Protein backbone atom coordinates (compact mmCIF):
# COMPACT_ATOMS: atom_id res chain seq x y z
CA MET A 1 176.79 118.72 84.71
CA THR A 2 173.58 116.93 85.69
CA LEU A 3 173.97 115.27 89.07
CA SER A 4 171.96 112.41 90.56
CA SER A 5 170.00 113.20 93.70
CA ASP A 6 171.59 110.18 95.42
CA PRO A 7 175.38 110.15 95.01
CA GLY A 8 175.66 106.84 96.85
CA ASN A 9 173.50 105.00 94.38
CA GLY A 10 174.33 106.53 91.02
CA ILE A 11 177.05 106.77 88.43
CA SER A 12 180.53 108.14 88.97
CA VAL A 13 182.70 109.13 86.00
CA ILE A 14 186.46 108.99 86.52
CA ILE A 15 189.02 110.81 84.37
CA CYS A 16 192.78 110.49 85.02
CA ALA A 17 195.30 113.10 83.87
CA TYR A 18 199.05 113.43 84.25
CA THR A 19 200.27 116.34 82.09
CA GLU A 20 199.32 119.96 81.45
CA LYS A 21 200.24 119.46 77.80
CA ARG A 22 196.75 117.98 77.34
CA TRP A 23 194.95 120.80 79.16
CA GLU A 24 192.67 121.78 76.29
CA LYS A 25 191.78 118.13 75.71
CA LEU A 26 191.08 117.66 79.41
CA VAL A 27 188.74 120.67 79.41
CA ALA A 28 186.91 119.20 76.41
CA ALA A 29 186.65 115.78 78.07
CA ILE A 30 185.10 117.29 81.21
CA GLN A 31 182.69 119.38 79.16
CA SER A 32 181.56 116.26 77.30
CA ILE A 33 180.69 114.62 80.62
CA ARG A 34 178.82 117.71 81.74
CA SER A 35 176.80 117.44 78.52
CA GLN A 36 175.73 113.81 79.02
CA THR A 37 172.03 113.03 78.69
CA LEU A 38 172.18 110.68 81.70
CA PRO A 39 172.48 112.26 85.16
CA ILE A 40 175.58 111.26 87.13
CA ALA A 41 176.39 111.26 90.83
CA GLU A 42 179.81 112.87 90.43
CA LEU A 43 182.78 113.50 88.21
CA VAL A 44 186.12 112.50 89.73
CA LEU A 45 189.35 113.87 88.25
CA VAL A 46 192.52 112.08 89.39
CA ILE A 47 195.82 113.90 88.91
CA ASP A 48 198.78 111.54 88.56
CA HIS A 49 201.68 112.96 90.60
CA ASN A 50 201.63 116.49 89.15
CA PRO A 51 201.10 119.14 91.86
CA GLY A 52 200.90 122.00 89.35
CA LEU A 53 198.17 120.28 87.35
CA TYR A 54 196.35 119.39 90.56
CA GLN A 55 196.27 123.01 91.73
CA ARG A 56 195.20 124.29 88.33
CA SER A 57 192.42 121.70 88.09
CA CYS A 58 191.07 122.52 91.56
CA GLU A 59 190.73 126.14 90.52
CA ALA A 60 189.39 125.51 87.01
CA PHE A 61 186.74 122.83 87.58
CA PRO A 62 184.15 123.77 90.21
CA GLY A 63 181.82 120.91 90.97
CA VAL A 64 184.44 118.30 90.05
CA LEU A 65 186.02 116.17 92.76
CA VAL A 66 189.75 116.62 92.07
CA VAL A 67 192.07 114.21 93.91
CA GLU A 68 195.74 113.29 93.70
CA ASN A 69 196.91 109.78 92.87
CA ARG A 70 197.90 108.18 96.18
CA GLU A 71 199.24 105.01 94.57
CA THR A 72 202.19 104.24 92.32
CA ARG A 73 202.57 106.66 89.42
CA GLY A 74 200.70 105.47 86.34
CA LEU A 75 197.23 105.00 84.93
CA SER A 76 196.39 101.91 86.98
CA GLY A 77 197.28 103.61 90.26
CA ALA A 78 195.35 106.74 89.24
CA ARG A 79 192.27 104.73 88.36
CA ASN A 80 192.47 102.86 91.66
CA THR A 81 192.62 106.19 93.49
CA GLY A 82 189.54 107.31 91.56
CA ILE A 83 187.69 104.11 92.47
CA ARG A 84 188.30 104.71 96.16
CA ALA A 85 187.26 108.37 95.92
CA ALA A 86 184.05 107.71 93.97
CA HIS A 87 180.68 106.85 95.53
CA GLY A 88 178.63 105.48 92.63
CA ASP A 89 177.53 101.90 92.17
CA LEU A 90 178.57 102.21 88.51
CA LEU A 91 182.04 103.56 87.69
CA ALA A 92 182.73 104.87 84.20
CA PHE A 93 186.18 105.76 82.85
CA LEU A 94 186.98 108.27 80.12
CA ASP A 95 190.45 109.14 78.84
CA ASP A 96 191.62 112.71 79.40
CA ASP A 97 192.25 113.18 75.66
CA ALA A 98 188.84 111.94 74.53
CA VAL A 99 185.40 113.48 74.06
CA ALA A 100 182.27 111.44 74.76
CA ALA A 101 179.16 111.66 72.61
CA PRO A 102 176.17 113.02 74.61
CA ASP A 103 174.51 109.59 74.84
CA TRP A 104 177.77 107.70 75.57
CA LEU A 105 176.97 106.99 79.19
CA ALA A 106 173.25 106.36 78.68
CA LEU A 107 173.95 103.67 76.10
CA LEU A 108 176.56 101.99 78.29
CA CYS A 109 174.39 101.99 81.39
CA GLU A 110 171.23 100.61 79.82
CA HIS A 111 172.87 97.16 79.85
CA PHE A 112 173.16 97.00 83.63
CA SER A 113 169.53 95.98 83.99
CA ASP A 114 170.98 92.54 83.21
CA ASP A 115 172.56 91.29 86.45
CA THR A 116 175.01 89.10 84.55
CA VAL A 117 176.71 92.14 82.98
CA LEU A 118 179.87 93.15 84.86
CA GLY A 119 180.92 95.97 82.57
CA VAL A 120 180.34 97.55 79.18
CA GLY A 121 182.70 99.18 76.72
CA GLY A 122 181.95 101.47 73.82
CA LEU A 123 183.43 102.43 70.46
CA SER A 124 186.53 104.62 70.53
CA GLU A 125 186.86 106.48 67.23
CA PRO A 126 190.20 108.07 66.29
CA ASP A 127 190.31 111.85 66.08
CA TRP A 128 193.52 112.29 64.09
CA GLU A 129 195.48 115.51 64.53
CA ALA A 130 196.54 115.00 60.91
CA GLU A 131 195.22 112.49 58.40
CA ARG A 132 195.65 108.81 59.19
CA PRO A 133 198.81 107.62 57.40
CA ALA A 134 198.07 105.51 54.34
CA TRP A 135 200.21 102.71 55.76
CA PHE A 136 198.34 102.53 59.10
CA PRO A 137 196.03 99.45 59.16
CA GLU A 138 192.65 99.59 60.85
CA GLU A 139 193.48 96.24 62.46
CA PHE A 140 196.05 98.07 64.61
CA LEU A 141 194.00 101.05 65.77
CA TRP A 142 194.38 99.67 69.29
CA VAL A 143 197.92 101.06 69.05
CA VAL A 144 196.44 104.57 69.38
CA GLY A 145 193.81 103.58 71.94
CA CYS A 146 190.92 103.14 69.51
CA SER A 147 188.53 100.42 68.42
CA TYR A 148 190.05 98.30 65.68
CA ARG A 149 188.92 96.15 62.78
CA GLY A 150 188.05 92.74 64.17
CA LEU A 151 185.80 93.90 67.00
CA PRO A 152 182.09 93.05 66.74
CA GLN A 153 179.92 95.34 64.61
CA GLN A 154 176.94 94.90 66.93
CA ILE A 155 176.37 94.56 70.68
CA ALA A 156 178.23 91.44 71.76
CA ALA A 157 179.97 89.77 74.69
CA VAL A 158 183.74 90.33 74.72
CA ARG A 159 186.60 89.20 76.91
CA ASN A 160 187.41 92.77 77.92
CA PRO A 161 186.37 96.31 76.96
CA LEU A 162 188.74 99.15 76.01
CA GLY A 163 189.80 100.82 79.24
CA GLY A 164 189.21 104.49 78.38
CA CYS A 165 185.62 103.99 77.23
CA THR A 166 184.00 101.76 79.84
CA CYS A 167 181.55 101.46 82.70
CA TRP A 168 181.94 98.84 85.45
CA ARG A 169 179.94 97.65 88.40
CA ARG A 170 181.59 98.66 91.67
CA GLU A 171 180.99 95.04 92.70
CA VAL A 172 183.88 94.01 90.43
CA PHE A 173 186.42 96.09 92.35
CA ILE A 174 185.01 95.17 95.76
CA THR A 175 185.15 91.45 95.04
CA VAL A 176 188.18 90.81 92.81
CA GLY A 177 190.28 93.91 93.51
CA ASN A 178 191.43 96.91 91.52
CA PHE A 179 193.65 97.40 88.48
CA ASP A 180 197.08 95.79 88.76
CA SER A 181 199.62 98.61 89.07
CA THR A 182 202.31 96.49 87.38
CA LEU A 183 200.33 96.90 84.14
CA GLY A 184 199.13 99.93 82.19
CA HIS A 185 200.46 103.30 81.02
CA VAL A 186 202.99 105.17 83.13
CA GLY A 187 203.32 108.73 81.83
CA SER A 188 204.06 108.48 78.12
CA LEU A 189 205.31 104.88 78.29
CA PRO A 190 203.01 102.93 75.95
CA ALA A 191 202.13 99.91 78.09
CA GLY A 192 198.64 98.54 78.55
CA CYS A 193 196.43 95.52 79.34
CA GLU A 194 195.36 96.54 82.84
CA GLU A 195 191.67 96.31 81.90
CA THR A 196 192.31 92.98 80.14
CA GLU A 197 193.76 91.40 83.27
CA LEU A 198 191.02 92.76 85.52
CA SER A 199 188.25 91.61 83.16
CA ILE A 200 189.70 88.09 83.02
CA ARG A 201 190.08 88.03 86.80
CA ALA A 202 186.41 88.99 87.12
CA THR A 203 185.09 86.35 84.71
CA GLN A 204 187.29 83.72 86.35
CA ARG A 205 185.55 84.65 89.59
CA TRP A 206 182.08 84.68 87.94
CA PRO A 207 182.14 82.25 84.95
CA GLY A 208 178.47 82.89 84.22
CA ARG A 209 178.81 86.65 83.92
CA LYS A 210 180.17 88.82 81.11
CA PHE A 211 181.44 92.05 79.63
CA LEU A 212 179.72 93.65 76.65
CA TYR A 213 180.83 95.81 73.74
CA ASP A 214 178.28 98.33 72.46
CA PRO A 215 179.51 100.18 69.35
CA ARG A 216 176.57 102.59 69.55
CA SER A 217 178.22 104.22 72.56
CA ARG A 218 181.02 106.39 71.17
CA ILE A 219 183.92 108.50 72.23
CA PHE A 220 186.32 110.40 70.00
CA HIS A 221 189.91 109.77 71.03
CA PHE A 222 192.53 112.35 70.03
CA VAL A 223 195.52 110.91 68.15
CA PRO A 224 198.46 113.35 68.04
CA GLN A 225 200.72 113.35 65.03
CA ALA A 226 203.54 111.82 67.09
CA ARG A 227 201.47 108.65 67.54
CA ALA A 228 200.93 108.37 63.79
CA ARG A 229 204.63 107.72 63.23
CA PHE A 230 206.02 104.27 62.61
CA SER A 231 208.44 104.65 65.53
CA TYR A 232 205.50 104.91 67.93
CA PHE A 233 203.69 102.06 66.17
CA ARG A 234 206.76 99.86 66.66
CA SER A 235 207.28 100.76 70.32
CA ARG A 236 203.59 100.40 71.18
CA CYS A 237 203.39 96.94 69.60
CA TYR A 238 206.51 95.84 71.46
CA ALA A 239 205.15 97.22 74.74
CA GLU A 240 201.85 95.42 74.15
CA GLY A 241 203.75 92.15 73.85
CA ILE A 242 205.53 92.82 77.14
CA SER A 243 202.17 93.63 78.76
CA LYS A 244 200.54 90.48 77.37
CA ALA A 245 203.33 88.44 78.95
CA GLY A 246 202.46 90.10 82.26
CA VAL A 247 198.79 89.23 81.82
CA THR A 248 199.52 85.55 81.13
CA ARG A 249 201.70 85.45 84.25
CA LEU A 250 198.79 86.72 86.33
CA VAL A 251 195.79 84.87 84.82
CA GLY A 252 197.33 82.04 82.77
CA PRO A 253 197.93 81.76 79.00
CA ALA A 254 194.61 80.06 78.21
CA ASP A 255 192.52 83.05 79.28
CA GLY A 256 195.25 85.63 78.80
CA LEU A 257 195.60 84.93 75.07
CA SER A 258 192.09 83.72 74.20
CA ALA A 259 191.11 86.76 72.12
CA GLU A 260 194.58 87.13 70.62
CA ARG A 261 194.41 83.72 68.94
CA SER A 262 191.42 84.66 66.80
CA TYR A 263 192.92 88.10 66.13
CA THR A 264 196.27 86.60 65.06
CA PHE A 265 194.98 83.74 62.93
CA LYS A 266 191.85 85.34 61.43
CA THR A 267 191.79 89.14 61.64
CA LEU A 268 195.42 89.82 60.76
CA PRO A 269 195.72 87.40 57.80
CA ALA A 270 192.51 88.83 56.34
CA GLY A 271 193.87 92.35 56.80
CA PHE A 272 197.20 91.42 55.21
CA LEU A 273 195.46 89.99 52.14
CA ARG A 274 193.15 92.99 51.99
CA GLY A 275 196.14 95.30 51.93
CA LEU A 276 197.72 93.38 49.08
CA ALA A 277 194.43 93.37 47.16
CA ASP A 278 194.16 97.13 47.65
CA PHE A 279 197.69 97.56 46.34
CA PHE A 280 197.01 95.57 43.18
CA SER A 281 193.83 97.61 42.71
CA GLY A 282 195.86 100.81 42.58
CA ASP A 283 195.90 101.83 46.25
CA PHE A 284 199.63 101.99 46.90
CA GLY A 285 199.05 102.47 50.63
CA GLY A 286 197.72 98.91 50.69
CA LEU A 287 201.24 97.52 50.48
CA GLY A 288 202.24 99.65 53.46
CA ARG A 289 199.24 98.42 55.46
CA ALA A 290 200.09 94.80 54.66
CA GLY A 291 203.68 95.41 55.71
CA ALA A 292 202.61 97.16 58.91
CA ILE A 293 200.37 94.22 59.85
CA PHE A 294 203.29 91.82 59.38
CA LEU A 295 205.73 93.99 61.31
CA GLY A 296 203.21 94.89 64.01
CA LEU A 297 202.61 91.22 64.72
CA ALA A 298 206.36 90.57 64.71
CA PHE A 299 207.11 93.38 67.18
CA THR A 300 204.26 92.29 69.45
CA ALA A 301 205.43 88.66 69.39
CA LEU A 302 208.98 89.77 70.14
CA GLY A 303 207.81 91.81 73.11
CA TYR A 304 205.83 88.83 74.39
CA LEU A 305 208.83 86.51 74.11
CA VAL A 306 211.10 89.03 75.84
CA GLY A 307 208.54 89.45 78.60
CA ARG A 308 208.31 85.71 79.15
CA VAL A 309 212.11 85.38 79.26
CA GLN A 310 212.29 88.21 81.80
CA GLN A 311 209.72 86.42 83.95
CA ARG A 312 211.72 83.20 83.85
CA LEU A 313 214.94 84.99 84.74
CA ALA A 314 213.21 86.82 87.59
CA GLY A 315 211.78 83.50 88.79
CA ASN A 316 215.20 81.88 88.80
CA VAL A 317 216.65 84.76 90.82
CA LEU A 318 213.85 84.54 93.39
CA GLN A 319 214.17 80.76 93.70
CA GLU A 320 217.89 81.09 94.40
CA LYS A 321 217.16 83.34 97.40
CA PRO A 322 216.09 81.54 100.58
CA GLY A 323 212.42 81.98 101.44
CA LEU A 324 211.46 83.60 98.11
CA SER A 325 209.33 82.14 95.32
CA LEU A 326 206.97 83.31 92.61
């Protein structure tokens, strides 16, 4: 690992891990950071409420700052712990089951010469344990934590980057706060949207500043066979809807659903028609992809509606108690 001579004015990379079942992937992720072409100040590994994994990591990774999550269990709390432990002015996040290309960090960080850039995300390519199912549409690769059809093909401003493939200015966390621990993955529960909410909060604070997406900067995100099953697809879509309801509660529906409108009314209809066209051209998986797009949208919408109803019910309960309000 190439370290910067000034750890207080460099780049910190943060990886969060919660299970020893991913040990080999975690080792590969750390090695990919040690092989980066851009020097870093430090690599911070946050262990999410797993004493055995913490002890093993302390022994296995010399030169890595290994800390335990001191917040609520889950990815958001772990990331917040990493933010507090890190010293760099730029904070990059990599998933523990992903491998970064050698120039991943260099390509992300070249954009910070522009003072208006708050953060940059890269391309997350799926590394399937088995082949991608014929029914699985590229429009829904976000289900497995990867970049999906509908994102820009070139460097462009986006509402929010993908959380496990990003670099942020520390200024964001100092000024607008950390990730909201009510959002994001907890263990194997497939929630999300913590980086969405934080990005929106940041651009609401600085309307003239932005987040970028640079598809040249790549990571390779492992997709186990269990996540290639329709049961996971269904549960992840539903959980995303619940999470989106949480985001709109925190930042408002106008900003909270701005990117989803284009995705729902442009990207998904085009993907549905593409699937049907593929089917009639002899690709029988096309019908499955069209069906998955329809059902994925339905499950996500259902989760969103359930989440909104839960918020209303919770609000009514609070209002009935003296001295409590949302």
